[in-house]
């Protein structure tokens, strides 16, 4: 079941039980946006990394979850998850 999610810069969304949490990191340029997958392991210790995508890239997959980017701007991103 698909769900629409709107994230502003710094907001996070959990992709599901046992899946990564993602955070919108904004747009370092007018042609690139960044999403940060955050992996949690071992008593709340975790790690994360920036993934950079061209604005033209509208379909991505993070931790086995399909995500469609409806709209992206420097302040927020609108996703359809699932």
PDB file of N, CA and C in Angstrom:
ATOM      1  N   UNK A   1       0.843  -1.176   0.000  1.00  0.00           N
ATOM      2  CA  UNK A   1       0.000   0.000   0.000  1.00  0.00           C
ATOM      3  C   UNK A   1       0.891   1.243   0.000  1.00  0.00           C
ATOM      4  N   UNK A   2       0.701   2.083  -0.999  1.00  0.00           N
ATOM      5  CA  UNK A   2       1.526   3.274  -1.144  1.00  0.00           C
ATOM      6  C   UNK A   2       1.065   4.367  -0.174  1.00  0.00           C
ATOM      7  N   UNK A   3       2.044   5.128   0.298  1.00  0.00           N
ATOM      8  CA  UNK A   3       1.752   6.206   1.233  1.00  0.00           C
ATOM      9  C   UNK A   3       2.490   7.456   0.775  1.00  0.00           C
ATOM     10  N   UNK A   4       1.808   8.600   0.778  1.00  0.00           N
ATOM     11  CA  UNK A   4       2.437   9.871   0.440  1.00  0.00           C
ATOM     12  C   UNK A   4       3.070  10.459   1.696  1.00  0.00           C
ATOM     13  N   UNK A   5       4.329  10.867   1.564  1.00  0.00           N
ATOM     14  CA  UNK A   5       5.089  11.414   2.687  1.00  0.00           C
ATOM     15  C   UNK A   5       5.729  12.730   2.237  1.00  0.00           C
ATOM     16  N   UNK A   6       5.615  13.756   3.058  1.00  0.00           N
ATOM     17  CA  UNK A   6       6.269  15.041   2.785  1.00  0.00           C
ATOM     18  C   UNK A   6       7.297  15.274   3.884  1.00  0.00           C
ATOM     19  N   UNK A   7       8.558  15.467   3.470  1.00  0.00           N
ATOM     20  CA  UNK A   7       9.647  15.722   4.419  1.00  0.00           C
ATOM     21  C   UNK A   7      10.262  17.079   4.129  1.00  0.00           C
ATOM     22  N   UNK A   8      10.428  17.892   5.154  1.00  0.00           N
ATOM     23  CA  UNK A   8      11.211  19.110   5.008  1.00  0.00           C
ATOM     24  C   UNK A   8      12.653  18.765   5.380  1.00  0.00           C
ATOM     25  N   UNK A   9      13.564  19.659   5.112  1.00  0.00           N
ATOM     26  CA  UNK A   9      14.978  19.397   5.385  1.00  0.00           C
ATOM     27  C   UNK A   9      15.158  19.018   6.862  1.00  0.00           C
ATOM     28  N   UNK A  10      15.783  17.873   7.084  1.00  0.00           N
ATOM     29  CA  UNK A  10      16.041  17.396   8.437  1.00  0.00           C
ATOM     30  C   UNK A  10      14.995  16.428   8.960  1.00  0.00           C
ATOM     31  N   UNK A  11      13.817  16.363   8.328  1.00  0.00           N
ATOM     32  CA  UNK A  11      12.780  15.424   8.761  1.00  0.00           C
ATOM     33  C   UNK A  11      13.154  13.997   8.371  1.00  0.00           C
ATOM     34  N   UNK A  12      12.681  13.042   9.190  1.00  0.00           N
ATOM     35  CA  UNK A  12      12.969  11.633   8.940  1.00  0.00           C
ATOM     36  C   UNK A  12      11.682  10.842   8.826  1.00  0.00           C
ATOM     37  N   UNK A  13      11.773   9.691   8.144  1.00  0.00           N
ATOM     38  CA  UNK A  13      10.637   8.788   7.963  1.00  0.00           C
ATOM     39  C   UNK A  13      11.162   7.359   8.042  1.00  0.00           C
ATOM     40  N   UNK A  14      10.468   6.516   8.806  1.00  0.00           N
ATOM     41  CA  UNK A  14      10.866   5.114   8.935  1.00  0.00           C
ATOM     42  C   UNK A  14      10.206   4.320   7.819  1.00  0.00           C
ATOM     43  N   UNK A  15      11.004   3.613   7.029  1.00  0.00           N
ATOM     44  CA  UNK A  15      10.484   2.855   5.899  1.00  0.00           C
ATOM     45  C   UNK A  15       9.722   1.601   6.323  1.00  0.00           C
ATOM     46  N   UNK A  16       9.832   1.201   7.569  1.00  0.00           N
ATOM     47  CA  UNK A  16       9.111   0.030   8.059  1.00  0.00           C
ATOM     48  C   UNK A  16       9.912  -0.700   9.110  1.00  0.00           C
ATOM     49  N   UNK A  17       9.259  -1.635   9.786  1.00  0.00           N
ATOM     50  CA  UNK A  17       9.926  -2.390  10.837  1.00  0.00           C
ATOM     51  C   UNK A  17      11.127  -3.144  10.261  1.00  0.00           C
ATOM     52  N   UNK A  18      12.287  -2.937  10.837  1.00  0.00           N
ATOM     53  CA  UNK A  18      13.507  -3.586  10.376  1.00  0.00           C
ATOM     54  C   UNK A  18      14.125  -2.952   9.155  1.00  0.00           C
ATOM     55  N   UNK A  19      13.568  -1.842   8.698  1.00  0.00           N
ATOM     56  CA  UNK A  19      14.087  -1.149   7.516  1.00  0.00           C
ATOM     57  C   UNK A  19      14.779   0.140   7.939  1.00  0.00           C
ATOM     58  N   UNK A  20      15.467   0.746   6.975  1.00  0.00           N
ATOM     59  CA  UNK A  20      16.142   2.015   7.232  1.00  0.00           C
ATOM     60  C   UNK A  20      15.151   3.129   7.518  1.00  0.00           C
ATOM     61  N   UNK A  21      15.639   4.121   8.209  1.00  0.00           N
ATOM     62  CA  UNK A  21      14.947   5.396   8.342  1.00  0.00           C
ATOM     63  C   UNK A  21      15.622   6.304   7.313  1.00  0.00           C
ATOM     64  N   UNK A  22      14.847   7.173   6.650  1.00  0.00           N
ATOM     65  CA  UNK A  22      15.449   8.100   5.691  1.00  0.00           C
ATOM     66  C   UNK A  22      15.229   9.524   6.165  1.00  0.00           C
ATOM     67  N   UNK A  23      16.159  10.399   5.799  1.00  0.00           N
ATOM     68  CA  UNK A  23      16.083  11.814   6.160  1.00  0.00           C
ATOM     69  C   UNK A  23      16.343  12.627   4.891  1.00  0.00           C
ATOM     70  N   UNK A  24      15.559  13.697   4.703  1.00  0.00           N
ATOM     71  CA  UNK A  24      15.790  14.577   3.561  1.00  0.00           C
ATOM     72  C   UNK A  24      16.890  15.571   3.920  1.00  0.00           C
ATOM     73  N   UNK A  25      17.940  15.619   3.087  1.00  0.00           N
ATOM     74  CA  UNK A  25      19.089  16.472   3.369  1.00  0.00           C
ATOM     75  C   UNK A  25      19.153  17.701   2.451  1.00  0.00           C
ATOM     76  N   UNK A  26      18.100  17.946   1.685  1.00  0.00           N
ATOM     77  CA  UNK A  26      18.063  19.151   0.869  1.00  0.00           C
ATOM     78  C   UNK A  26      18.703  18.982  -0.495  1.00  0.00           C
ATOM     79  N   UNK A  27      19.026  20.115  -1.095  1.00  0.00           N
ATOM     80  CA  UNK A  27      19.597  20.154  -2.440  1.00  0.00           C
ATOM     81  C   UNK A  27      20.919  20.913  -2.414  1.00  0.00           C
ATOM     82  N   UNK A  28      22.041  20.214  -2.579  1.00  0.00           N
ATOM     83  CA  UNK A  28      23.324  20.909  -2.608  1.00  0.00           C
ATOM     84  C   UNK A  28      23.506  21.774  -3.859  1.00  0.00           C
ATOM     85  N   UNK A  29      22.708  21.494  -4.903  1.00  0.00           N
ATOM     86  CA  UNK A  29      22.684  22.350  -6.092  1.00  0.00           C
ATOM     87  C   UNK A  29      21.277  22.289  -6.673  1.00  0.00           C
ATOM     88  N   UNK A  30      21.024  23.096  -7.683  1.00  0.00           N
ATOM     89  CA  UNK A  30      19.672  23.108  -8.257  1.00  0.00           C
ATOM     90  C   UNK A  30      19.375  21.869  -9.096  1.00  0.00           C
ATOM     91  N   UNK A  31      20.361  21.005  -9.311  1.00  0.00           N
ATOM     92  CA  UNK A  31      20.171  19.805 -10.127  1.00  0.00           C
ATOM     93  C   UNK A  31      20.319  18.500  -9.344  1.00  0.00           C
ATOM     94  N   UNK A  32      20.545  18.605  -8.029  1.00  0.00           N
ATOM     95  CA  UNK A  32      20.806  17.412  -7.211  1.00  0.00           C
ATOM     96  C   UNK A  32      20.076  17.525  -5.878  1.00  0.00           C
ATOM     97  N   UNK A  33      19.455  16.409  -5.437  1.00  0.00           N
ATOM     98  CA  UNK A  33      18.883  16.342  -4.093  1.00  0.00           C
ATOM     99  C   UNK A  33      19.531  15.185  -3.334  1.00  0.00           C
ATOM    100  N   UNK A  34      19.410  15.227  -2.007  1.00  0.00           N
ATOM    101  CA  UNK A  34      20.073  14.228  -1.181  1.00  0.00           C
ATOM    102  C   UNK A  34      19.107  13.613  -0.175  1.00  0.00           C
ATOM    103  N   UNK A  35      19.153  12.296  -0.091  1.00  0.00           N
ATOM    104  CA  UNK A  35      18.418  11.532   0.911  1.00  0.00           C
ATOM    105  C   UNK A  35      19.437  10.740   1.719  1.00  0.00           C
ATOM    106  N   UNK A  36      19.254  10.717   3.032  1.00  0.00           N
ATOM    107  CA  UNK A  36      20.193  10.043   3.926  1.00  0.00           C
ATOM    108  C   UNK A  36      19.529   8.797   4.525  1.00  0.00           C
ATOM    109  N   UNK A  37      19.922   7.593   4.080  1.00  0.00           N
ATOM    110  CA  UNK A  37      19.458   6.378   4.757  1.00  0.00           C
ATOM    111  C   UNK A  37      20.222   6.223   6.076  1.00  0.00           C
ATOM    112  N   UNK A  38      19.512   5.873   7.126  1.00  0.00           N
ATOM    113  CA  UNK A  38      20.136   5.711   8.442  1.00  0.00           C
ATOM    114  C   UNK A  38      19.890   4.282   8.913  1.00  0.00           C
ATOM    115  N   UNK A  39      20.934   3.546   9.131  1.00  0.00           N
ATOM    116  CA  UNK A  39      20.864   2.150   9.558  1.00  0.00           C
ATOM    117  C   UNK A  39      21.140   2.086  11.047  1.00  0.00           C
ATOM    118  N   UNK A  40      20.232   1.469  11.804  1.00  0.00           N
ATOM    119  CA  UNK A  40      20.409   1.349  13.250  1.00  0.00           C
ATOM    120  C   UNK A  40      20.720  -0.092  13.614  1.00  0.00           C
ATOM    121  N   UNK A  41      21.747  -0.260  14.416  1.00  0.00           N
ATOM    122  CA  UNK A  41      22.155  -1.580  14.869  1.00  0.00           C
ATOM    123  C   UNK A  41      22.713  -1.484  16.276  1.00  0.00           C
ATOM    124  N   UNK A  42      22.630  -2.558  16.995  1.00  0.00           N
ATOM    125  CA  UNK A  42      23.323  -2.716  18.269  1.00  0.00           C
ATOM    126  C   UNK A  42      23.065  -1.590  19.270  1.00  0.00           C
ATOM    127  N   UNK A  43      21.949  -1.648  19.930  1.00  0.00           N
ATOM    128  CA  UNK A  43      21.650  -0.722  21.026  1.00  0.00           C
ATOM    129  C   UNK A  43      21.708   0.740  20.606  1.00  0.00           C
ATOM    130  N   UNK A  44      20.994   1.072  19.557  1.00  0.00           N
ATOM    131  CA  UNK A  44      20.849   2.450  19.079  1.00  0.00           C
ATOM    132  C   UNK A  44      22.135   3.049  18.515  1.00  0.00           C
ATOM    133  N   UNK A  45      23.088   2.227  18.196  1.00  0.00           N
ATOM    134  CA  UNK A  45      24.263   2.723  17.475  1.00  0.00           C
ATOM    135  C   UNK A  45      23.997   2.505  16.003  1.00  0.00           C
ATOM    136  N   UNK A  46      24.330   3.468  15.224  1.00  0.00           N
ATOM    137  CA  UNK A  46      24.027   3.331  13.813  1.00  0.00           C
ATOM    138  C   UNK A  46      24.991   4.107  12.949  1.00  0.00           C
ATOM    139  N   UNK A  47      24.690   4.103  11.684  1.00  0.00           N
ATOM    140  CA  UNK A  47      25.496   4.853  10.739  1.00  0.00           C
ATOM    141  C   UNK A  47      24.584   5.334   9.623  1.00  0.00           C
ATOM    142  N   UNK A  48      25.030   6.352   8.923  1.00  0.00           N
ATOM    143  CA  UNK A  48      24.248   6.918   7.829  1.00  0.00           C
ATOM    144  C   UNK A  48      25.197   7.441   6.755  1.00  0.00           C
ATOM    145  N   UNK A  49      24.645   7.690   5.599  1.00  0.00           N
ATOM    146  CA  UNK A  49      25.434   8.195   4.484  1.00  0.00           C
ATOM    147  C   UNK A  49      24.511   8.988   3.572  1.00  0.00           C
ATOM    148  N   UNK A  50      25.056   9.956   2.866  1.00  0.00           N
ATOM    149  CA  UNK A  50      24.268  10.741   1.909  1.00  0.00           C
ATOM    150  C   UNK A  50      24.218  10.006   0.576  1.00  0.00           C
ATOM    151  N   UNK A  51      23.034   9.965  -0.011  1.00  0.00           N
ATOM    152  CA  UNK A  51      22.883   9.490  -1.379  1.00  0.00           C
ATOM    153  C   UNK A  51      22.417  10.686  -2.196  1.00  0.00           C
ATOM    154  N   UNK A  52      23.096  10.939  -3.289  1.00  0.00           N
ATOM    155  CA  UNK A  52      22.785  12.080  -4.140  1.00  0.00           C
ATOM    156  C   UNK A  52      22.125  11.596  -5.425  1.00  0.00           C
ATOM    157  N   UNK A  53      21.048  12.275  -5.817  1.00  0.00           N
ATOM    158  CA  UNK A  53      20.307  11.908  -7.026  1.00  0.00           C
ATOM    159  C   UNK A  53      20.095  13.141  -7.880  1.00  0.00           C
ATOM    160  N   UNK A  54      20.143  12.988  -9.207  1.00  0.00           N
ATOM    161  CA  UNK A  54      19.776  14.123 -10.065  1.00  0.00           C
ATOM    162  C   UNK A  54      18.278  14.394  -9.922  1.00  0.00           C
ATOM    163  N   UNK A  55      17.880  15.634 -10.068  1.00  0.00           N
ATOM    164  CA  UNK A  55      16.480  16.015  -9.926  1.00  0.00           C
ATOM    165  C   UNK A  55      15.603  15.230 -10.911  1.00  0.00           C
ATOM    166  N   UNK A  56      16.155  14.838 -12.035  1.00  0.00           N
ATOM    167  CA  UNK A  56      15.387  14.082 -13.030  1.00  0.00           C
ATOM    168  C   UNK A  56      15.107  12.637 -12.586  1.00  0.00           C
ATOM    169  N   UNK A  57      15.827  12.145 -11.583  1.00  0.00           N
ATOM    170  CA  UNK A  57      15.628  10.774 -11.091  1.00  0.00           C
ATOM    171  C   UNK A  57      14.418  10.753 -10.172  1.00  0.00           C
ATOM    172  N   UNK A  58      13.331  10.127 -10.610  1.00  0.00           N
ATOM    173  CA  UNK A  58      12.070  10.146  -9.861  1.00  0.00           C
ATOM    174  C   UNK A  58      11.719   8.819  -9.202  1.00  0.00           C
ATOM    175  N   UNK A  59      12.362   7.731  -9.599  1.00  0.00           N
ATOM    176  CA  UNK A  59      12.093   6.427  -8.998  1.00  0.00           C
ATOM    177  C   UNK A  59      13.383   5.865  -8.416  1.00  0.00           C
ATOM    178  N   UNK A  60      13.367   5.633  -7.099  1.00  0.00           N
ATOM    179  CA  UNK A  60      14.543   5.104  -6.416  1.00  0.00           C
ATOM    180  C   UNK A  60      14.116   3.927  -5.543  1.00  0.00           C
ATOM    181  N   UNK A  61      15.103   3.195  -5.058  1.00  0.00           N
ATOM    182  CA  UNK A  61      14.848   2.075  -4.162  1.00  0.00           C
ATOM    183  C   UNK A  61      15.848   2.165  -3.017  1.00  0.00           C
ATOM    184  N   UNK A  62      15.332   2.199  -1.799  1.00  0.00           N
ATOM    185  CA  UNK A  62      16.187   2.250  -0.619  1.00  0.00           C
ATOM    186  C   UNK A  62      15.779   1.113   0.301  1.00  0.00           C
ATOM    187  N   UNK A  63      16.725   0.265   0.653  1.00  0.00           N
ATOM    188  CA  UNK A  63      16.503  -0.863   1.558  1.00  0.00           C
ATOM    189  C   UNK A  63      15.359  -1.752   1.066  1.00  0.00           C
ATOM    190  N   UNK A  64      15.266  -1.932  -0.255  1.00  0.00           N
ATOM    191  CA  UNK A  64      14.249  -2.797  -0.837  1.00  0.00           C
ATOM    192  C   UNK A  64      12.874  -2.176  -0.959  1.00  0.00           C
ATOM    193  N   UNK A  65      12.736  -0.905  -0.639  1.00  0.00           N
ATOM    194  CA  UNK A  65      11.455  -0.205  -0.712  1.00  0.00           C
ATOM    195  C   UNK A  65      11.470   0.739  -1.912  1.00  0.00           C
ATOM    196  N   UNK A  66      10.473   0.607  -2.781  1.00  0.00           N
ATOM    197  CA  UNK A  66      10.356   1.501  -3.933  1.00  0.00           C
ATOM    198  C   UNK A  66       9.801   2.848  -3.489  1.00  0.00           C
ATOM    199  N   UNK A  67      10.437   3.908  -3.973  1.00  0.00           N
ATOM    200  CA  UNK A  67      10.045   5.276  -3.630  1.00  0.00           C
ATOM    201  C   UNK A  67       9.944   6.075  -4.922  1.00  0.00           C
ATOM    202  N   UNK A  68       8.815   6.765  -5.104  1.00  0.00           N
ATOM    203  CA  UNK A  68       8.632   7.651  -6.247  1.00  0.00           C
ATOM    204  C   UNK A  68       8.674   9.090  -5.737  1.00  0.00           C
ATOM    205  N   UNK A  69       9.468   9.928  -6.372  1.00  0.00           N
ATOM    206  CA  UNK A  69       9.593  11.333  -5.998  1.00  0.00           C
ATOM    207  C   UNK A  69       8.565  12.127  -6.797  1.00  0.00           C
ATOM    208  N   UNK A  70       7.548  12.646  -6.127  1.00  0.00           N
ATOM    209  CA  UNK A  70       6.529  13.461  -6.801  1.00  0.00           C
ATOM    210  C   UNK A  70       7.041  14.865  -7.073  1.00  0.00           C
ATOM    211  N   UNK A  71       7.706  15.442  -6.057  1.00  0.00           N
ATOM    212  CA  UNK A  71       8.194  16.815  -6.186  1.00  0.00           C
ATOM    213  C   UNK A  71       9.359  16.996  -5.230  1.00  0.00           C
ATOM    214  N   UNK A  72      10.319  17.796  -5.652  1.00  0.00           N
ATOM    215  CA  UNK A  72      11.456  18.095  -4.788  1.00  0.00           C
ATOM    216  C   UNK A  72      11.857  19.546  -4.998  1.00  0.00           C
ATOM    217  N   UNK A  73      12.147  20.227  -3.890  1.00  0.00           N
ATOM    218  CA  UNK A  73      12.672  21.586  -3.944  1.00  0.00           C
ATOM    219  C   UNK A  73      13.644  21.733  -2.774  1.00  0.00           C
ATOM    220  N   UNK A  74      14.349  22.854  -2.669  1.00  0.00           N
ATOM    221  CA  UNK A  74      15.348  22.980  -1.607  1.00  0.00           C
ATOM    222  C   UNK A  74      14.791  22.849  -0.191  1.00  0.00           C
ATOM    223  N   UNK A  75      13.497  23.095   0.006  1.00  0.00           N
ATOM    224  CA  UNK A  75      12.920  23.057   1.343  1.00  0.00           C
ATOM    225  C   UNK A  75      12.230  21.745   1.695  1.00  0.00           C
ATOM    226  N   UNK A  76      11.666  21.033   0.694  1.00  0.00           N
ATOM    227  CA  UNK A  76      10.937  19.805   1.007  1.00  0.00           C
ATOM    228  C   UNK A  76      10.928  18.840  -0.175  1.00  0.00           C
ATOM    229  N   UNK A  77      10.587  17.596   0.154  1.00  0.00           N
ATOM    230  CA  UNK A  77      10.465  16.551  -0.842  1.00  0.00           C
ATOM    231  C   UNK A  77       9.158  15.816  -0.596  1.00  0.00           C
ATOM    232  N   UNK A  78       8.435  15.490  -1.674  1.00  0.00           N
ATOM    233  CA  UNK A  78       7.169  14.766  -1.577  1.00  0.00           C
ATOM    234  C   UNK A  78       7.397  13.390  -2.206  1.00  0.00           C
ATOM    235  N   UNK A  79       7.190  12.338  -1.405  1.00  0.00           N
ATOM    236  CA  UNK A  79       7.471  10.959  -1.814  1.00  0.00           C
ATOM    237  C   UNK A  79       6.205  10.118  -1.805  1.00  0.00           C
ATOM    238  N   UNK A  80       6.170   9.114  -2.672  1.00  0.00           N
ATOM    239  CA  UNK A  80       5.184   8.037  -2.565  1.00  0.00           C
ATOM    240  C   UNK A  80       5.987   6.793  -2.236  1.00  0.00           C
ATOM    241  N   UNK A  81       5.760   6.262  -1.026  1.00  0.00           N
ATOM    242  CA  UNK A  81       6.537   5.131  -0.518  1.00  0.00           C
ATOM    243  C   UNK A  81       5.702   3.872  -0.617  1.00  0.00           C
ATOM    244  N   UNK A  82       6.314   2.826  -1.196  1.00  0.00           N
ATOM    245  CA  UNK A  82       5.636   1.532  -1.265  1.00  0.00           C
ATOM    246  C   UNK A  82       5.183   1.135  -2.615  1.00  0.00           C
TER     247      UNK A  82
END
